N, C-alpha and C. Protein backbone atom coordinates (compact mmCIF):
# COMPACT_ATOMS: atom_id res chain seq x y z
N MET A 1 153.98 184.10 41.77
CA MET A 1 154.55 183.63 40.87
C MET A 1 154.09 184.03 39.41
N SER A 2 152.76 183.89 39.45
CA SER A 2 152.01 184.11 38.19
C SER A 2 152.21 185.76 37.86
N ARG A 3 152.34 186.45 38.77
CA ARG A 3 152.66 187.91 38.26
C ARG A 3 154.12 188.12 37.76
N HIS A 4 155.04 187.41 38.19
CA HIS A 4 156.33 187.37 37.27
C HIS A 4 156.18 186.81 36.18
N LEU A 5 155.57 185.77 35.78
CA LEU A 5 155.36 185.22 34.57
C LEU A 5 154.68 186.29 33.69
N TRP A 6 153.47 186.77 34.21
CA TRP A 6 152.75 187.89 33.61
C TRP A 6 153.69 188.88 33.17
N SER A 7 154.51 189.36 33.82
CA SER A 7 155.57 190.50 33.51
C SER A 7 156.51 189.99 32.36
N VAL A 8 156.89 188.79 32.30
CA VAL A 8 157.80 188.38 31.20
C VAL A 8 156.77 188.11 30.09
N ILE A 9 155.79 187.68 30.08
CA ILE A 9 154.88 187.56 28.86
C ILE A 9 154.66 188.86 28.30
N ARG A 10 154.31 189.89 29.07
CA ARG A 10 153.98 191.22 28.57
C ARG A 10 155.06 192.10 28.27
N GLN A 11 156.35 191.56 28.56
CA GLN A 11 157.69 192.17 28.33
C GLN A 11 157.67 193.54 28.82
N GLU A 12 157.28 193.58 30.06
CA GLU A 12 157.48 194.48 30.82
C GLU A 12 158.78 195.40 30.80
N ASP A 13 158.68 196.58 31.00
CA ASP A 13 160.07 197.38 31.28
C ASP A 13 160.61 197.40 32.59
N SER A 14 161.49 196.37 32.79
CA SER A 14 162.16 196.15 34.05
C SER A 14 163.49 195.46 33.98
N ILE A 15 164.31 195.90 35.02
CA ILE A 15 165.77 195.06 34.98
C ILE A 15 165.44 193.69 35.15
N TRP A 16 164.49 193.26 35.83
CA TRP A 16 164.27 191.73 36.17
C TRP A 16 163.74 190.93 34.84
N VAL A 17 162.87 191.72 34.12
CA VAL A 17 162.40 191.05 32.75
C VAL A 17 163.44 190.98 31.78
N ASP A 18 164.31 192.08 31.77
CA ASP A 18 165.52 192.00 30.59
C ASP A 18 166.36 191.21 30.95
N TRP A 19 166.78 190.92 32.48
CA TRP A 19 167.82 189.84 32.77
C TRP A 19 166.99 188.35 32.25
N ILE A 20 165.81 188.20 32.67
CA ILE A 20 165.12 186.91 32.13
C ILE A 20 165.19 186.62 30.76
N GLY A 21 165.14 187.67 29.92
CA GLY A 21 165.08 187.60 28.53
C GLY A 21 166.57 187.38 27.86
N HIS A 22 167.65 187.94 28.87
CA HIS A 22 168.72 187.85 28.26
C HIS A 22 169.55 186.38 28.77
N TYR A 23 169.29 185.93 29.91
CA TYR A 23 169.89 184.89 30.82
C TYR A 23 169.12 183.71 30.76
N ARG A 24 167.80 183.69 30.73
CA ARG A 24 167.12 182.60 30.76
C ARG A 24 166.43 182.24 29.40
N LEU A 25 165.97 182.99 28.56
CA LEU A 25 165.34 182.77 27.45
C LEU A 25 166.34 182.74 26.28
N ARG A 26 167.17 183.53 26.39
CA ARG A 26 168.41 183.48 25.42
C ARG A 26 167.94 183.34 23.95
N GLY A 27 166.89 184.30 23.50
CA GLY A 27 166.48 184.40 22.17
C GLY A 27 165.11 183.40 21.79
N THR A 28 164.90 182.73 22.79
CA THR A 28 163.73 181.91 22.74
C THR A 28 162.55 182.47 23.38
N SER A 29 161.40 181.84 23.40
CA SER A 29 160.16 182.36 24.06
C SER A 29 159.94 181.91 25.38
N ILE A 30 159.15 182.58 26.20
CA ILE A 30 158.60 182.11 27.55
C ILE A 30 157.77 181.01 27.18
N TRP A 31 157.18 180.66 26.18
CA TRP A 31 156.27 179.55 25.90
C TRP A 31 157.05 178.22 25.39
N THR A 32 158.43 178.46 24.83
CA THR A 32 158.84 177.21 24.43
C THR A 32 160.11 176.88 24.97
N VAL A 33 160.52 177.49 25.99
CA VAL A 33 161.67 177.36 26.79
C VAL A 33 161.77 176.22 27.76
N ASN A 34 162.55 175.32 27.99
CA ASN A 34 162.51 174.11 28.66
C ASN A 34 162.28 174.45 30.15
N ALA A 35 161.21 173.80 30.41
CA ALA A 35 160.80 173.89 32.15
C ALA A 35 161.56 172.93 33.01
N LYS A 36 162.39 172.06 32.42
CA LYS A 36 163.07 171.03 33.24
C LYS A 36 164.13 171.57 33.82
N ARG A 37 165.00 172.72 33.25
CA ARG A 37 166.28 173.25 33.81
C ARG A 37 166.14 174.48 34.61
N GLY A 38 166.70 174.72 35.58
CA GLY A 38 167.07 175.95 36.25
C GLY A 38 166.64 175.72 37.52
N ALA A 39 166.76 176.75 38.31
CA ALA A 39 166.38 176.78 39.74
C ALA A 39 164.83 176.60 40.13
N TRP A 40 164.53 176.17 41.03
CA TRP A 40 163.33 175.66 41.70
C TRP A 40 162.32 176.77 41.40
N GLY A 41 162.45 178.08 41.66
CA GLY A 41 161.43 179.20 41.40
C GLY A 41 161.34 179.12 39.72
N TRP A 42 162.45 179.32 39.19
CA TRP A 42 162.29 179.26 37.53
C TRP A 42 161.49 178.17 37.15
N ARG A 43 161.45 176.92 37.67
CA ARG A 43 160.72 175.84 36.95
C ARG A 43 159.40 175.86 37.58
N LYS A 44 159.25 176.47 38.79
CA LYS A 44 157.78 176.52 39.17
C LYS A 44 156.73 177.77 38.28
N MET A 45 157.69 178.78 37.89
CA MET A 45 157.00 179.96 37.28
C MET A 45 156.54 179.30 35.93
N LEU A 46 157.54 178.50 35.18
CA LEU A 46 157.53 178.23 33.86
C LEU A 46 156.12 176.99 33.99
N GLU A 47 155.95 176.30 35.12
CA GLU A 47 154.74 175.25 35.26
C GLU A 47 153.41 175.94 35.21
N LEU A 48 153.39 177.25 35.45
CA LEU A 48 152.35 177.97 35.44
C LEU A 48 151.68 178.52 34.19
N ARG A 49 152.53 178.32 33.14
CA ARG A 49 152.25 178.74 31.80
C ARG A 49 150.91 178.01 31.27
N ASP A 50 150.95 176.75 31.45
CA ASP A 50 149.66 176.07 31.04
C ASP A 50 148.29 176.43 31.91
N THR A 51 148.46 176.87 33.10
CA THR A 51 147.53 177.59 33.91
C THR A 51 147.06 178.78 33.46
N LEU A 52 148.13 179.68 33.00
CA LEU A 52 147.66 180.98 32.61
C LEU A 52 147.41 181.21 31.07
N LEU A 53 147.64 180.33 30.24
CA LEU A 53 147.23 180.36 28.80
C LEU A 53 146.06 180.31 28.53
N PRO A 54 144.99 179.69 29.09
CA PRO A 54 143.56 179.83 28.72
C PRO A 54 143.00 181.28 29.24
N HIS A 55 143.61 181.91 29.90
CA HIS A 55 143.22 183.47 30.17
C HIS A 55 143.94 184.52 29.46
N ILE A 56 144.67 184.05 28.42
CA ILE A 56 145.46 185.21 27.71
C ILE A 56 144.91 185.24 26.34
N ARG A 57 144.75 186.40 25.60
CA ARG A 57 144.23 186.52 24.57
C ARG A 57 145.39 187.32 23.58
N PHE A 58 145.84 186.63 22.51
CA PHE A 58 146.95 187.28 21.60
C PHE A 58 146.45 188.35 20.69
N LYS A 59 147.13 189.54 20.44
CA LYS A 59 146.85 190.59 19.68
C LYS A 59 148.07 190.84 18.94
N VAL A 60 148.00 190.63 17.51
CA VAL A 60 149.26 190.68 16.96
C VAL A 60 149.67 192.27 16.75
N GLY A 61 148.73 193.16 16.54
CA GLY A 61 149.16 194.55 16.54
C GLY A 61 150.05 194.84 15.55
N THR A 62 151.06 195.53 15.63
CA THR A 62 152.17 195.71 14.54
C THR A 62 153.08 194.41 14.49
N GLY A 63 153.07 193.53 15.24
CA GLY A 63 153.82 192.40 14.97
C GLY A 63 155.15 192.44 15.69
N GLU A 64 155.47 193.58 16.39
CA GLU A 64 156.88 193.89 17.08
C GLU A 64 157.22 192.97 18.00
N SER A 65 156.02 192.42 18.90
CA SER A 65 156.48 191.68 20.00
C SER A 65 155.75 190.38 19.94
N PHE A 66 155.09 190.04 18.77
CA PHE A 66 154.46 188.68 18.55
C PHE A 66 155.43 187.70 17.63
N SER A 67 155.31 186.37 18.03
CA SER A 67 156.10 185.54 17.16
C SER A 67 154.94 184.49 16.57
N LEU A 68 154.95 184.41 15.58
CA LEU A 68 154.04 183.38 14.78
C LEU A 68 154.54 182.08 15.05
N TRP A 69 155.86 181.74 15.38
CA TRP A 69 156.30 180.40 15.64
C TRP A 69 156.41 180.10 16.96
N HIS A 70 156.67 180.93 18.00
CA HIS A 70 157.10 180.67 19.29
C HIS A 70 155.68 180.94 20.11
N ASP A 71 154.88 181.76 20.02
CA ASP A 71 153.74 182.18 20.99
C ASP A 71 152.63 181.35 20.56
N PRO A 72 151.96 180.96 21.78
CA PRO A 72 150.89 179.74 21.45
C PRO A 72 149.46 180.26 21.21
N TRP A 73 149.46 180.96 20.11
CA TRP A 73 148.09 181.72 19.56
C TRP A 73 147.29 180.67 18.98
N HIS A 74 147.96 179.47 18.32
CA HIS A 74 147.20 178.60 17.60
C HIS A 74 146.59 177.44 18.50
N CYS A 75 145.57 176.59 18.24
CA CYS A 75 145.17 175.85 19.12
C CYS A 75 146.21 174.60 19.26
N LEU A 76 147.14 174.37 18.39
CA LEU A 76 148.18 173.33 18.39
C LEU A 76 149.25 173.78 19.34
N GLY A 77 149.16 175.17 19.87
CA GLY A 77 150.24 175.49 20.84
C GLY A 77 151.40 176.05 19.90
N PRO A 78 152.56 176.51 20.49
CA PRO A 78 153.59 177.01 19.76
C PRO A 78 153.92 176.21 18.32
N LEU A 79 153.71 176.92 17.19
CA LEU A 79 153.93 176.17 16.12
C LEU A 79 155.33 175.54 15.84
N ILE A 80 156.42 176.14 16.40
CA ILE A 80 157.80 175.54 16.33
C ILE A 80 157.81 174.21 16.85
N LEU A 81 157.04 174.11 17.97
CA LEU A 81 157.22 172.67 18.55
C LEU A 81 156.59 171.55 17.63
N ARG A 82 155.60 172.02 16.76
CA ARG A 82 154.96 171.12 15.80
C ARG A 82 155.77 170.82 14.43
N PHE A 83 156.23 172.01 14.08
CA PHE A 83 156.93 172.18 12.87
C PHE A 83 158.44 172.80 12.99
N PRO A 84 159.31 172.15 13.43
CA PRO A 84 160.53 172.66 13.89
C PRO A 84 161.11 173.31 12.68
N ARG A 85 160.99 172.74 11.38
CA ARG A 85 161.63 173.49 10.20
C ARG A 85 160.72 174.65 9.52
N GLY A 86 159.85 174.92 10.28
CA GLY A 86 158.97 176.09 9.80
C GLY A 86 159.56 177.32 9.41
N PRO A 87 160.22 177.88 10.24
CA PRO A 87 160.89 179.11 9.67
C PRO A 87 162.00 178.97 8.41
N GLN A 88 162.88 177.67 8.55
CA GLN A 88 163.67 177.49 7.61
C GLN A 88 162.92 177.10 6.34
N ASP A 89 161.88 176.47 6.45
CA ASP A 89 161.16 176.22 5.08
C ASP A 89 160.57 177.50 4.69
N GLN A 90 160.11 178.49 5.33
CA GLN A 90 159.70 179.75 4.93
C GLN A 90 160.61 180.73 4.54
N HIS A 91 162.04 180.30 4.74
CA HIS A 91 163.09 181.29 4.46
C HIS A 91 163.25 182.52 5.41
N ILE A 92 162.91 182.48 6.64
CA ILE A 92 163.00 183.33 7.66
C ILE A 92 164.23 183.09 8.30
N PRO A 93 165.19 184.09 8.27
CA PRO A 93 166.47 184.06 9.04
C PRO A 93 166.33 183.93 10.55
N TYR A 94 167.14 183.08 11.25
CA TYR A 94 167.04 182.94 12.67
C TYR A 94 166.92 184.24 13.41
N GLY A 95 166.19 184.41 14.15
CA GLY A 95 166.14 185.85 15.18
C GLY A 95 165.63 186.93 14.45
N GLN A 96 164.97 186.89 13.24
CA GLN A 96 164.37 187.96 12.67
C GLN A 96 162.87 187.67 12.94
N SER A 97 162.11 188.64 13.24
CA SER A 97 160.82 188.80 13.48
C SER A 97 160.10 188.64 12.31
N GLU A 98 159.00 187.97 12.32
CA GLU A 98 158.09 187.69 11.17
C GLU A 98 157.61 188.91 10.67
N CYS A 99 157.27 189.85 11.38
CA CYS A 99 156.82 191.18 10.77
C CYS A 99 157.78 191.87 9.86
N GLY A 100 159.12 191.59 10.39
CA GLY A 100 160.20 192.40 9.67
C GLY A 100 160.53 191.45 8.34
N HIS A 101 160.13 190.14 8.21
CA HIS A 101 160.24 189.47 7.12
C HIS A 101 159.16 189.92 6.26
N CYS A 102 157.97 190.04 6.57
CA CYS A 102 156.85 190.38 5.56
C CYS A 102 157.01 191.69 4.97
N ARG A 103 157.73 192.85 5.63
CA ARG A 103 157.67 194.09 5.11
C ARG A 103 158.46 194.16 3.68
């Protein structure tokens, strides 16, 4: 299960990861999606997030696959959970990446 979660986190190029992104995540992040809904395997995979998180280092790079609001790079966790109006208050249109907004 952790290997599958790692594939989604890394956004690996596979049909399965694309399907998860389109049908399960629906524009949100693997870190903020609700773990209480879905099939047993999906819920178990999401429960592994807290176990896997301490072993992950975030690298912003070009910012193309990094989310300031949805990725748990900060000690508070995903900022969107603490500051739900954050993107609106910063005038970032929904669905636009932060790196695209700053250019």
